[in-house]
Amino acid sequence: MKINFCEERGDIMPSKSLQKMLLEAMQIMCRELGVEEEDYDLDISFHTSLDNMRVNGQEGGKIRACVDPEISKDRHISVMVQRDHPHLLILALAHEFVHVRQMITGRLLVDGEGERAAVIFDGKRHSPGIIRLAHVLGMPSMLPWEKEAHQGMTALFLLVFDQLPTELRLEIVQGMHYNP
């Protein structure tokens, strides 16, 4: 898996030190998810906001990151990330990396384009109407591929955090706001 930061697709770029931290975190994610040896290019773009972004015809609402459901013929996967605190960036990327694994293994497929696209997850077809309804009701995490990503992202974040060098962990913790 080759990870690229794509300045031309986003509207901002993180600092070099944050890029280093995120690259190390994503390499750990690839290793933990068993996709580091896969022959794909993963293009990461950073945006000031992804609110109300439309992804494959679905309204995004308030989102921090999303993966383009189309894998190009040259095996490129695009992930868009909203610029945020390092711990939130890593958490959002952990969620999207679960989707990347679902796509690479063929468990998550998109059938069609735009608002008429259905999702096939683990061989079961989910109609565009059901997907749209889950988003309108504010419950996209009830969709099975989203449920798996939500369940996996925290565990993946903790695995990544535990493997990062001490100085990077300190930088992440310093960026967190703790309100008991």
N, C-alpha and C. Protein backbone atom coordinates (compact mmCIF):
# COMPACT_ATOMS: atom_id res chain seq x y z
N MET A 1 0.86 -1.17 0.00
CA MET A 1 0.00 0.00 0.00
C MET A 1 0.91 1.23 0.00
N LYS A 2 0.71 2.06 -0.99
CA LYS A 2 1.47 3.30 -1.06
C LYS A 2 0.54 4.44 -0.66
N ILE A 3 0.98 5.26 0.29
CA ILE A 3 0.15 6.35 0.80
C ILE A 3 0.70 7.67 0.27
N ASN A 4 -0.18 8.45 -0.38
CA ASN A 4 0.19 9.73 -0.97
C ASN A 4 -0.65 10.85 -0.36
N PHE A 5 -0.02 11.97 -0.03
CA PHE A 5 -0.77 13.16 0.35
C PHE A 5 -1.00 13.97 -0.91
N CYS A 6 -2.26 14.24 -1.24
CA CYS A 6 -2.62 14.88 -2.51
C CYS A 6 -3.05 16.33 -2.28
N GLU A 7 -2.10 17.23 -2.44
CA GLU A 7 -2.38 18.65 -2.23
C GLU A 7 -3.38 19.17 -3.26
N GLU A 8 -3.31 18.69 -4.50
CA GLU A 8 -4.17 19.23 -5.56
C GLU A 8 -5.64 18.85 -5.39
N ARG A 9 -5.95 17.80 -4.63
CA ARG A 9 -7.34 17.40 -4.44
C ARG A 9 -7.99 18.07 -3.24
N GLY A 10 -7.19 18.51 -2.29
CA GLY A 10 -7.72 19.15 -1.09
C GLY A 10 -7.55 20.65 -1.17
N ASP A 11 -7.96 21.34 -0.11
CA ASP A 11 -7.78 22.79 -0.12
C ASP A 11 -6.76 23.24 0.92
N ILE A 12 -6.22 22.32 1.70
CA ILE A 12 -5.15 22.65 2.65
C ILE A 12 -4.23 21.45 2.80
N MET A 13 -3.06 21.70 3.33
CA MET A 13 -2.13 20.60 3.64
C MET A 13 -1.69 20.76 5.08
N PRO A 14 -1.61 19.63 5.82
CA PRO A 14 -1.12 19.72 7.19
C PRO A 14 0.38 20.03 7.20
N SER A 15 0.87 20.46 8.34
CA SER A 15 2.30 20.74 8.48
C SER A 15 3.10 19.48 8.23
N LYS A 16 4.37 19.64 7.96
CA LYS A 16 5.26 18.49 7.72
C LYS A 16 5.28 17.56 8.92
N SER A 17 5.29 18.11 10.14
CA SER A 17 5.33 17.26 11.33
C SER A 17 4.02 16.46 11.47
N LEU A 18 2.88 17.09 11.15
CA LEU A 18 1.62 16.36 11.21
C LEU A 18 1.55 15.31 10.11
N GLN A 19 2.06 15.64 8.92
CA GLN A 19 2.10 14.64 7.84
C GLN A 19 2.91 13.42 8.27
N LYS A 20 4.04 13.67 8.94
CA LYS A 20 4.89 12.57 9.42
C LYS A 20 4.12 11.70 10.41
N MET A 21 3.41 12.34 11.35
CA MET A 21 2.63 11.60 12.34
C MET A 21 1.53 10.78 11.66
N LEU A 22 0.81 11.41 10.74
CA LEU A 22 -0.29 10.72 10.07
C LEU A 22 0.21 9.58 9.19
N LEU A 23 1.33 9.79 8.52
CA LEU A 23 1.89 8.73 7.69
C LEU A 23 2.27 7.52 8.55
N GLU A 24 2.91 7.78 9.66
CA GLU A 24 3.27 6.68 10.56
C GLU A 24 2.02 5.98 11.08
N ALA A 25 1.00 6.75 11.45
CA ALA A 25 -0.26 6.18 11.94
C ALA A 25 -0.93 5.32 10.86
N MET A 26 -0.95 5.82 9.63
CA MET A 26 -1.59 5.07 8.54
C MET A 26 -0.81 3.81 8.19
N GLN A 27 0.49 3.85 8.29
CA GLN A 27 1.28 2.64 8.04
C GLN A 27 0.97 1.57 9.09
N ILE A 28 0.81 2.01 10.34
CA ILE A 28 0.42 1.07 11.40
C ILE A 28 -0.97 0.51 11.12
N MET A 29 -1.91 1.36 10.68
CA MET A 29 -3.26 0.91 10.36
C MET A 29 -3.23 -0.15 9.27
N CYS A 30 -2.45 0.11 8.22
CA CYS A 30 -2.34 -0.86 7.13
C CYS A 30 -1.82 -2.20 7.64
N ARG A 31 -0.81 -2.14 8.48
CA ARG A 31 -0.23 -3.37 9.04
C ARG A 31 -1.26 -4.09 9.91
N GLU A 32 -1.94 -3.35 10.80
CA GLU A 32 -2.91 -3.96 11.71
C GLU A 32 -4.12 -4.55 10.97
N LEU A 33 -4.50 -3.92 9.87
CA LEU A 33 -5.66 -4.40 9.08
C LEU A 33 -5.26 -5.44 8.04
N GLY A 34 -3.96 -5.71 7.93
CA GLY A 34 -3.50 -6.74 6.99
C GLY A 34 -3.55 -6.32 5.53
N VAL A 35 -3.43 -5.02 5.25
CA VAL A 35 -3.49 -4.56 3.86
C VAL A 35 -2.20 -3.87 3.42
N GLU A 36 -1.15 -3.91 4.24
CA GLU A 36 0.07 -3.18 3.90
C GLU A 36 0.75 -3.73 2.65
N GLU A 37 0.57 -5.01 2.35
CA GLU A 37 1.20 -5.61 1.17
C GLU A 37 0.34 -5.49 -0.08
N GLU A 38 -0.86 -4.96 0.04
CA GLU A 38 -1.75 -4.82 -1.11
C GLU A 38 -1.18 -3.81 -2.10
N ASP A 39 -1.41 -4.06 -3.39
CA ASP A 39 -0.87 -3.21 -4.45
C ASP A 39 -1.89 -2.12 -4.81
N TYR A 40 -2.03 -1.13 -3.92
CA TYR A 40 -2.94 -0.01 -4.11
C TYR A 40 -2.21 1.28 -3.79
N ASP A 41 -2.67 2.37 -4.41
CA ASP A 41 -2.23 3.70 -4.02
C ASP A 41 -3.38 4.32 -3.24
N LEU A 42 -3.07 4.81 -2.07
CA LEU A 42 -4.06 5.45 -1.22
C LEU A 42 -3.78 6.95 -1.24
N ASP A 43 -4.69 7.72 -1.83
CA ASP A 43 -4.52 9.17 -1.97
C ASP A 43 -5.31 9.87 -0.88
N ILE A 44 -4.61 10.61 -0.02
CA ILE A 44 -5.23 11.30 1.10
C ILE A 44 -5.25 12.79 0.79
N SER A 45 -6.45 13.40 0.85
CA SER A 45 -6.55 14.85 0.65
C SER A 45 -7.18 15.47 1.89
N PHE A 46 -6.76 16.68 2.20
CA PHE A 46 -7.22 17.38 3.40
C PHE A 46 -8.06 18.58 2.99
N HIS A 47 -9.14 18.78 3.75
CA HIS A 47 -10.11 19.83 3.43
C HIS A 47 -10.44 20.63 4.68
N THR A 48 -10.76 21.91 4.50
CA THR A 48 -11.16 22.72 5.64
C THR A 48 -12.48 22.22 6.20
N SER A 49 -13.38 21.78 5.33
CA SER A 49 -14.67 21.26 5.78
C SER A 49 -15.19 20.24 4.78
N LEU A 50 -15.82 19.21 5.30
CA LEU A 50 -16.50 18.24 4.45
C LEU A 50 -18.00 18.25 4.74
N ASP A 51 -18.45 19.21 5.55
CA ASP A 51 -19.87 19.29 5.90
C ASP A 51 -20.72 19.35 4.64
N ASN A 52 -21.78 18.56 4.65
CA ASN A 52 -22.76 18.52 3.57
C ASN A 52 -22.17 18.12 2.22
N MET A 53 -21.04 17.45 2.24
CA MET A 53 -20.44 16.97 1.01
C MET A 53 -21.25 15.79 0.48
N ARG A 54 -21.39 15.71 -0.81
CA ARG A 54 -22.10 14.59 -1.41
C ARG A 54 -21.08 13.54 -1.85
N VAL A 55 -21.26 12.33 -1.35
CA VAL A 55 -20.38 11.23 -1.70
C VAL A 55 -21.24 10.16 -2.35
N ASN A 56 -20.95 9.88 -3.60
CA ASN A 56 -21.70 8.90 -4.37
C ASN A 56 -23.21 9.17 -4.29
N GLY A 57 -23.57 10.46 -4.37
CA GLY A 57 -24.98 10.82 -4.39
C GLY A 57 -25.64 10.94 -3.04
N GLN A 58 -24.95 10.59 -1.97
CA GLN A 58 -25.54 10.66 -0.63
C GLN A 58 -25.05 11.92 0.06
N GLU A 59 -25.97 12.59 0.72
CA GLU A 59 -25.63 13.79 1.48
C GLU A 59 -24.78 13.39 2.68
N GLY A 60 -23.67 14.07 2.87
CA GLY A 60 -22.75 13.69 3.93
C GLY A 60 -23.12 14.17 5.31
N GLY A 61 -23.82 15.31 5.43
CA GLY A 61 -24.09 15.85 6.75
C GLY A 61 -22.79 16.32 7.38
N LYS A 62 -22.68 16.17 8.69
CA LYS A 62 -21.44 16.55 9.39
C LYS A 62 -20.52 15.34 9.41
N ILE A 63 -19.50 15.37 8.59
CA ILE A 63 -18.57 14.25 8.53
C ILE A 63 -17.15 14.77 8.69
N ARG A 64 -16.27 13.91 9.15
CA ARG A 64 -14.85 14.26 9.31
C ARG A 64 -14.00 13.65 8.20
N ALA A 65 -14.48 12.57 7.60
CA ALA A 65 -13.69 11.92 6.56
C ALA A 65 -14.61 11.03 5.74
N CYS A 66 -14.18 10.72 4.53
CA CYS A 66 -14.93 9.77 3.71
C CYS A 66 -13.98 9.15 2.70
N VAL A 67 -14.35 7.97 2.25
CA VAL A 67 -13.57 7.29 1.23
C VAL A 67 -14.41 7.28 -0.04
N ASP A 68 -13.78 7.58 -1.16
CA ASP A 68 -14.48 7.53 -2.44
C ASP A 68 -14.80 6.07 -2.72
N PRO A 69 -16.07 5.74 -2.97
CA PRO A 69 -16.43 4.33 -3.14
C PRO A 69 -15.93 3.70 -4.44
N GLU A 70 -15.39 4.49 -5.32
CA GLU A 70 -14.90 3.97 -6.59
C GLU A 70 -13.40 3.70 -6.49
N ILE A 71 -12.99 2.48 -6.75
CA ILE A 71 -11.57 2.16 -6.87
C ILE A 71 -11.25 2.27 -8.34
N SER A 72 -10.31 3.13 -8.69
CA SER A 72 -10.00 3.33 -10.09
C SER A 72 -9.32 2.09 -10.68
N LYS A 73 -9.32 2.04 -12.00
CA LYS A 73 -8.71 0.90 -12.70
C LYS A 73 -7.23 0.75 -12.36
N ASP A 74 -6.58 1.87 -12.06
CA ASP A 74 -5.16 1.79 -11.72
C ASP A 74 -4.95 1.61 -10.22
N ARG A 75 -6.00 1.13 -9.53
CA ARG A 75 -5.93 0.72 -8.13
C ARG A 75 -5.62 1.89 -7.18
N HIS A 76 -6.27 3.02 -7.43
CA HIS A 76 -6.17 4.18 -6.55
C HIS A 76 -7.42 4.26 -5.68
N ILE A 77 -7.24 4.52 -4.40
CA ILE A 77 -8.35 4.75 -3.49
C ILE A 77 -8.16 6.15 -2.92
N SER A 78 -9.22 6.96 -2.97
CA SER A 78 -9.14 8.33 -2.46
C SER A 78 -9.86 8.44 -1.12
N VAL A 79 -9.18 9.05 -0.15
CA VAL A 79 -9.76 9.32 1.16
C VAL A 79 -9.67 10.82 1.38
N MET A 80 -10.81 11.42 1.73
CA MET A 80 -10.85 12.86 2.02
C MET A 80 -11.01 13.04 3.52
N VAL A 81 -10.21 13.94 4.08
CA VAL A 81 -10.20 14.14 5.53
C VAL A 81 -10.37 15.62 5.84
N GLN A 82 -11.23 15.90 6.83
CA GLN A 82 -11.39 17.28 7.29
C GLN A 82 -10.27 17.59 8.27
N ARG A 83 -9.63 18.73 8.09
CA ARG A 83 -8.52 19.15 8.96
C ARG A 83 -9.03 19.32 10.38
N ASP A 84 -8.35 18.70 11.32
CA ASP A 84 -8.81 18.72 12.71
C ASP A 84 -7.63 18.47 13.63
N HIS A 85 -7.88 18.30 14.92
CA HIS A 85 -6.83 17.96 15.87
C HIS A 85 -6.26 16.59 15.52
N PRO A 86 -4.99 16.34 15.79
CA PRO A 86 -4.37 15.06 15.41
C PRO A 86 -5.13 13.83 15.87
N HIS A 87 -5.61 13.81 17.11
CA HIS A 87 -6.31 12.60 17.58
C HIS A 87 -7.61 12.38 16.82
N LEU A 88 -8.30 13.45 16.43
CA LEU A 88 -9.54 13.30 15.65
C LEU A 88 -9.23 12.89 14.22
N LEU A 89 -8.13 13.40 13.67
CA LEU A 89 -7.71 12.98 12.33
C LEU A 89 -7.40 11.48 12.31
N ILE A 90 -6.66 11.02 13.29
CA ILE A 90 -6.29 9.60 13.34
C ILE A 90 -7.53 8.74 13.56
N LEU A 91 -8.44 9.19 14.41
CA LEU A 91 -9.68 8.44 14.64
C LEU A 91 -10.52 8.37 13.36
N ALA A 92 -10.64 9.50 12.65
CA ALA A 92 -11.39 9.52 11.39
C ALA A 92 -10.73 8.63 10.35
N LEU A 93 -9.40 8.69 10.28
CA LEU A 93 -8.68 7.83 9.33
C LEU A 93 -8.85 6.36 9.69
N ALA A 94 -8.87 6.03 10.97
CA ALA A 94 -9.07 4.64 11.40
C ALA A 94 -10.41 4.13 10.88
N HIS A 95 -11.44 4.96 10.99
CA HIS A 95 -12.77 4.59 10.48
C HIS A 95 -12.70 4.33 8.97
N GLU A 96 -12.08 5.25 8.25
CA GLU A 96 -12.00 5.12 6.79
C GLU A 96 -11.12 3.94 6.37
N PHE A 97 -10.09 3.64 7.14
CA PHE A 97 -9.24 2.51 6.81
C PHE A 97 -9.98 1.18 6.95
N VAL A 98 -10.94 1.11 7.87
CA VAL A 98 -11.79 -0.08 7.94
C VAL A 98 -12.55 -0.22 6.63
N HIS A 99 -13.07 0.90 6.10
CA HIS A 99 -13.75 0.86 4.79
C HIS A 99 -12.79 0.47 3.67
N VAL A 100 -11.57 0.99 3.73
CA VAL A 100 -10.57 0.64 2.70
C VAL A 100 -10.36 -0.87 2.69
N ARG A 101 -10.21 -1.48 3.87
CA ARG A 101 -10.06 -2.93 3.94
C ARG A 101 -11.30 -3.63 3.39
N GLN A 102 -12.50 -3.13 3.73
CA GLN A 102 -13.73 -3.73 3.22
C GLN A 102 -13.75 -3.69 1.69
N MET A 103 -13.27 -2.58 1.11
CA MET A 103 -13.26 -2.44 -0.35
C MET A 103 -12.22 -3.35 -1.00
N ILE A 104 -11.01 -3.36 -0.43
CA ILE A 104 -9.93 -4.16 -1.01
C ILE A 104 -10.28 -5.64 -0.99
N THR A 105 -10.93 -6.09 0.07
CA THR A 105 -11.28 -7.51 0.19
C THR A 105 -12.56 -7.87 -0.57
N GLY A 106 -13.20 -6.87 -1.19
CA GLY A 106 -14.40 -7.12 -1.98
C GLY A 106 -15.67 -7.26 -1.16
N ARG A 107 -15.60 -6.95 0.11
CA ARG A 107 -16.79 -7.03 0.97
C ARG A 107 -17.70 -5.83 0.79
N LEU A 108 -17.13 -4.69 0.38
CA LEU A 108 -17.90 -3.45 0.20
C LEU A 108 -17.77 -3.02 -1.25
N LEU A 109 -18.89 -3.05 -1.96
CA LEU A 109 -18.93 -2.69 -3.37
C LEU A 109 -20.05 -1.69 -3.60
N VAL A 110 -19.85 -0.82 -4.58
CA VAL A 110 -20.89 0.13 -4.96
C VAL A 110 -21.40 -0.29 -6.33
N ASP A 111 -22.73 -0.38 -6.46
CA ASP A 111 -23.37 -0.79 -7.71
C ASP A 111 -24.16 0.40 -8.24
N GLY A 112 -23.61 1.06 -9.25
CA GLY A 112 -24.26 2.23 -9.83
C GLY A 112 -23.52 3.49 -9.47
N GLU A 113 -24.13 4.61 -9.86
CA GLU A 113 -23.50 5.90 -9.61
C GLU A 113 -24.50 6.88 -9.02
N GLY A 114 -23.97 7.84 -8.30
CA GLY A 114 -24.79 8.93 -7.78
C GLY A 114 -25.87 8.45 -6.84
N GLU A 115 -27.02 9.12 -6.90
CA GLU A 115 -28.12 8.82 -5.99
C GLU A 115 -28.76 7.47 -6.26
N ARG A 116 -28.48 6.88 -7.39
CA ARG A 116 -29.06 5.57 -7.72
C ARG A 116 -28.15 4.41 -7.34
N ALA A 117 -27.05 4.71 -6.72
CA ALA A 117 -26.08 3.67 -6.36
C ALA A 117 -26.57 2.87 -5.15
N ALA A 118 -26.45 1.58 -5.29
CA ALA A 118 -26.72 0.68 -4.17
C ALA A 118 -25.37 0.24 -3.61
N VAL A 119 -25.38 -0.28 -2.41
CA VAL A 119 -24.16 -0.79 -1.80
C VAL A 119 -24.36 -2.29 -1.59
N ILE A 120 -23.34 -3.04 -1.95
CA ILE A 120 -23.35 -4.47 -1.69
C ILE A 120 -22.30 -4.71 -0.61
N PHE A 121 -22.77 -5.23 0.52
CA PHE A 121 -21.86 -5.50 1.64
C PHE A 121 -22.04 -6.95 2.05
N ASP A 122 -20.95 -7.68 2.04
CA ASP A 122 -20.95 -9.12 2.37
C ASP A 122 -22.00 -9.86 1.54
N GLY A 123 -22.12 -9.46 0.26
CA GLY A 123 -23.01 -10.15 -0.66
C GLY A 123 -24.46 -9.71 -0.59
N LYS A 124 -24.83 -8.85 0.34
CA LYS A 124 -26.21 -8.39 0.46
C LYS A 124 -26.33 -6.99 -0.11
N ARG A 125 -27.32 -6.81 -0.97
CA ARG A 125 -27.56 -5.53 -1.63
C ARG A 125 -28.40 -4.62 -0.74
N HIS A 126 -27.95 -3.37 -0.58
CA HIS A 126 -28.66 -2.36 0.19
C HIS A 126 -29.07 -1.26 -0.78
N SER A 127 -30.36 -1.04 -0.90
CA SER A 127 -30.88 -0.10 -1.90
C SER A 127 -30.51 1.33 -1.56
N PRO A 128 -30.48 2.18 -2.62
CA PRO A 128 -30.21 3.60 -2.38
C PRO A 128 -31.21 4.23 -1.42
N GLY A 129 -32.47 3.79 -1.47
CA GLY A 129 -33.50 4.34 -0.58
C GLY A 129 -33.20 4.08 0.88
N ILE A 130 -32.75 2.87 1.20
CA ILE A 130 -32.41 2.52 2.58
C ILE A 130 -31.20 3.32 3.05
N ILE A 131 -30.23 3.46 2.17
CA ILE A 131 -29.02 4.22 2.50
C ILE A 131 -29.37 5.68 2.76
N ARG A 132 -30.18 6.26 1.87
CA ARG A 132 -30.60 7.66 2.01
C ARG A 132 -31.41 7.84 3.29
N LEU A 133 -32.33 6.90 3.59
CA LEU A 133 -33.15 6.99 4.80
C LEU A 133 -32.27 6.96 6.05
N ALA A 134 -31.26 6.09 6.08
CA ALA A 134 -30.35 6.03 7.23
C ALA A 134 -29.64 7.37 7.43
N HIS A 135 -29.26 8.02 6.34
CA HIS A 135 -28.58 9.32 6.44
C HIS A 135 -29.57 10.41 6.87
N VAL A 136 -30.77 10.42 6.30
CA VAL A 136 -31.77 11.43 6.65
C VAL A 136 -32.14 11.33 8.13
N LEU A 137 -32.24 10.10 8.64
CA LEU A 137 -32.59 9.90 10.04
C LEU A 137 -31.41 10.12 10.98
N GLY A 138 -30.25 10.41 10.39
CA GLY A 138 -29.05 10.62 11.20
C GLY A 138 -28.51 9.34 11.80
N MET A 139 -28.77 8.21 11.13
CA MET A 139 -28.35 6.92 11.66
C MET A 139 -27.54 6.09 10.66
N PRO A 140 -26.60 6.72 9.96
CA PRO A 140 -25.83 5.91 9.00
C PRO A 140 -25.02 4.80 9.67
N SER A 141 -24.75 4.95 10.97
CA SER A 141 -23.97 3.91 11.67
C SER A 141 -24.76 2.62 11.83
N MET A 142 -26.03 2.62 11.47
CA MET A 142 -26.83 1.39 11.51
C MET A 142 -26.63 0.55 10.26
N LEU A 143 -26.07 1.14 9.21
CA LEU A 143 -25.77 0.37 8.01
C LEU A 143 -24.62 -0.58 8.35
N PRO A 144 -24.67 -1.83 7.92
CA PRO A 144 -23.71 -2.83 8.41
C PRO A 144 -22.24 -2.49 8.16
N TRP A 145 -21.90 -1.88 7.02
CA TRP A 145 -20.51 -1.53 6.76
C TRP A 145 -20.07 -0.37 7.65
N GLU A 146 -21.00 0.53 7.96
CA GLU A 146 -20.70 1.63 8.86
C GLU A 146 -20.62 1.15 10.30
N LYS A 147 -21.48 0.23 10.66
CA LYS A 147 -21.46 -0.32 12.01
C LYS A 147 -20.10 -0.98 12.28
N GLU A 148 -19.62 -1.75 11.31
CA GLU A 148 -18.31 -2.39 11.45
C GLU A 148 -17.19 -1.36 11.56
N ALA A 149 -17.27 -0.29 10.77
CA ALA A 149 -16.24 0.75 10.80
C ALA A 149 -16.27 1.49 12.14
N HIS A 150 -17.47 1.78 12.65
CA HIS A 150 -17.58 2.46 13.94
C HIS A 150 -17.03 1.58 15.07
N GLN A 151 -17.34 0.29 15.00
CA GLN A 151 -16.85 -0.61 16.04
C GLN A 151 -15.34 -0.79 15.98
N GLY A 152 -14.79 -0.78 14.77
CA GLY A 152 -13.36 -1.03 14.61
C GLY A 152 -12.47 0.17 14.79
N MET A 153 -13.01 1.38 14.65
CA MET A 153 -12.14 2.56 14.62
C MET A 153 -11.50 2.85 15.97
N THR A 154 -12.21 2.67 17.06
CA THR A 154 -11.62 2.97 18.37
C THR A 154 -10.52 1.98 18.70
N ALA A 155 -10.77 0.71 18.46
CA ALA A 155 -9.74 -0.31 18.72
C ALA A 155 -8.51 -0.05 17.85
N LEU A 156 -8.74 0.30 16.60
CA LEU A 156 -7.62 0.59 15.69
C LEU A 156 -6.87 1.84 16.15
N PHE A 157 -7.61 2.87 16.55
CA PHE A 157 -6.96 4.08 17.08
C PHE A 157 -6.05 3.73 18.25
N LEU A 158 -6.55 2.92 19.18
CA LEU A 158 -5.76 2.56 20.36
C LEU A 158 -4.53 1.74 19.99
N LEU A 159 -4.67 0.84 19.01
CA LEU A 159 -3.51 0.06 18.54
C LEU A 159 -2.47 0.99 17.93
N VAL A 160 -2.93 1.95 17.14
CA VAL A 160 -2.02 2.91 16.50
C VAL A 160 -1.34 3.75 17.58
N PHE A 161 -2.13 4.30 18.48
CA PHE A 161 -1.59 5.17 19.52
C PHE A 161 -0.51 4.44 20.33
N ASP A 162 -0.77 3.19 20.65
CA ASP A 162 0.17 2.41 21.45
C ASP A 162 1.49 2.16 20.72
N GLN A 163 1.47 2.14 19.39
CA GLN A 163 2.67 1.84 18.61
C GLN A 163 3.42 3.08 18.14
N LEU A 164 2.83 4.24 18.30
CA LEU A 164 3.51 5.47 17.89
C LEU A 164 4.66 5.77 18.85
N PRO A 165 5.71 6.39 18.35
CA PRO A 165 6.79 6.81 19.24
C PRO A 165 6.27 7.76 20.32
N THR A 166 6.93 7.77 21.47
CA THR A 166 6.50 8.56 22.62
C THR A 166 6.29 10.03 22.27
N GLU A 167 7.20 10.62 21.49
CA GLU A 167 7.05 12.06 21.19
C GLU A 167 5.78 12.34 20.38
N LEU A 168 5.38 11.40 19.52
CA LEU A 168 4.15 11.60 18.75
C LEU A 168 2.93 11.40 19.65
N ARG A 169 2.99 10.44 20.57
CA ARG A 169 1.88 10.24 21.50
C ARG A 169 1.69 11.48 22.37
N LEU A 170 2.78 12.06 22.82
CA LEU A 170 2.69 13.28 23.63
C LEU A 170 2.07 14.42 22.84
N GLU A 171 2.46 14.53 21.58
CA GLU A 171 1.90 15.59 20.72
C GLU A 171 0.39 15.41 20.56
N ILE A 172 -0.06 14.16 20.42
CA ILE A 172 -1.50 13.88 20.29
C ILE A 172 -2.21 14.25 21.58
N VAL A 173 -1.69 13.80 22.70
CA VAL A 173 -2.33 14.05 24.00
C VAL A 173 -2.39 15.55 24.29
N GLN A 174 -1.36 16.27 23.94
CA GLN A 174 -1.36 17.72 24.18
C GLN A 174 -2.44 18.43 23.37
N GLY A 175 -2.84 17.85 22.24
CA GLY A 175 -3.88 18.45 21.41
C GLY A 175 -5.29 18.12 21.85
N MET A 176 -5.43 17.17 22.78
CA MET A 176 -6.75 16.78 23.26
C MET A 176 -7.24 17.75 24.31
N HIS A 177 -8.54 17.91 24.37
CA HIS A 177 -9.15 18.75 25.40
C HIS A 177 -9.90 17.84 26.35
N TYR A 178 -9.48 17.77 27.58
CA TYR A 178 -10.08 16.89 28.55
C TYR A 178 -11.03 17.69 29.45
N ASN A 179 -12.30 17.32 29.42
CA ASN A 179 -13.31 17.96 30.27
C ASN A 179 -14.01 16.88 31.07
N PRO A 180 -13.61 16.69 32.34
CA PRO A 180 -14.24 15.63 33.15
C PRO A 180 -15.69 15.92 33.47
